Amino acid sequence: METEKQLNDAILKMTLTIQNEYPELSKYLIEMPVTIPDASNPQINIKTLKDYYESLNSILKEYTPNHTK
């Protein structure tokens, strides 16, 4: 099982990859629901982090096969 730190590290690494290698995708990072919580005090937990990581992974998997660096 992944820890919160491991997930945060993976999210950071993937976010940096998007920003450095595919900057045109950066606009989608801002629009993702997890970055705009609908609660005044959102709960960030393992499930939330996994969902966010999977969202980032999905963006890259869908985009990269059709675009070169």
Protein backbone atom coordinates (compact mmCIF):
# COMPACT_ATOMS: atom_id res chain seq x y z
CA MET A 1 0.00 0.00 0.00
CA GLU A 2 1.19 3.46 -0.82
CA THR A 3 1.75 6.03 1.88
CA GLU A 4 0.65 9.64 1.70
CA LYS A 5 4.27 10.69 1.23
CA GLN A 6 4.78 8.23 -1.64
CA LEU A 7 1.64 9.47 -3.36
CA ASN A 8 2.63 13.12 -2.88
CA ASP A 9 6.07 12.37 -4.33
CA ALA A 10 4.54 10.57 -7.33
CA ILE A 11 2.08 13.42 -7.90
CA LEU A 12 4.88 15.98 -7.75
CA LYS A 13 7.00 13.97 -10.20
CA MET A 14 4.11 13.58 -12.64
CA THR A 15 3.14 17.25 -12.34
CA LEU A 16 6.73 18.30 -13.08
CA THR A 17 6.81 15.96 -16.07
CA ILE A 18 3.66 17.57 -17.43
CA GLN A 19 4.95 21.09 -16.84
CA ASN A 20 8.40 20.40 -18.32
CA GLU A 21 7.64 18.03 -21.18
CA TYR A 22 4.02 18.83 -22.07
CA PRO A 23 3.40 22.42 -20.89
CA GLU A 24 0.30 22.63 -23.07
CA LEU A 25 -1.38 20.25 -20.61
CA SER A 26 -0.71 22.51 -17.61
CA LYS A 27 -4.04 24.25 -18.10
CA TYR A 28 -5.82 20.99 -17.28
CA LEU A 29 -4.01 20.72 -13.94
CA ILE A 30 -5.71 23.90 -12.76
CA GLU A 31 -9.14 22.71 -13.90
CA MET A 32 -9.04 19.32 -12.16
CA PRO A 33 -11.74 18.98 -9.48
CA VAL A 34 -9.31 17.89 -6.78
CA THR A 35 -7.48 21.20 -7.13
CA ILE A 36 -10.73 23.13 -6.70
CA PRO A 37 -12.36 21.56 -3.66
CA ASP A 38 -16.02 22.32 -3.05
CA ALA A 39 -15.64 22.33 0.72
CA SER A 40 -14.14 25.07 2.85
CA ASN A 41 -11.94 22.53 4.67
CA PRO A 42 -11.37 19.66 2.23
CA GLN A 43 -10.16 16.33 3.54
CA ILE A 44 -7.03 15.17 1.77
CA ASN A 45 -6.49 11.47 2.30
CA ILE A 46 -4.98 8.45 0.58
CA LYS A 47 -8.05 7.92 -1.61
CA THR A 48 -8.10 11.57 -2.70
CA LEU A 49 -4.41 11.46 -3.54
CA LYS A 50 -4.77 8.17 -5.46
CA ASP A 51 -7.69 9.59 -7.44
CA TYR A 52 -5.68 12.70 -8.29
CA TYR A 53 -2.65 10.61 -9.28
CA GLU A 54 -4.83 8.44 -11.52
CA SER A 55 -6.30 11.56 -13.14
CA LEU A 56 -2.83 12.87 -13.94
CA ASN A 57 -1.79 9.46 -15.23
CA SER A 58 -4.87 9.29 -17.43
CA ILE A 59 -4.14 12.69 -18.96
CA LEU A 60 -0.62 11.61 -19.86
CA LYS A 61 -1.66 8.20 -21.20
CA GLU A 62 -4.27 9.74 -23.47
CA TYR A 63 -2.09 12.59 -24.68
CA THR A 64 1.43 11.21 -25.12
CA PRO A 65 0.86 8.52 -27.77
CA ASN A 66 -0.29 11.20 -30.23
CA HIS A 67 2.21 13.92 -29.41
CA THR A 68 5.96 14.09 -29.37
CA LYS A 69 8.03 16.02 -26.88
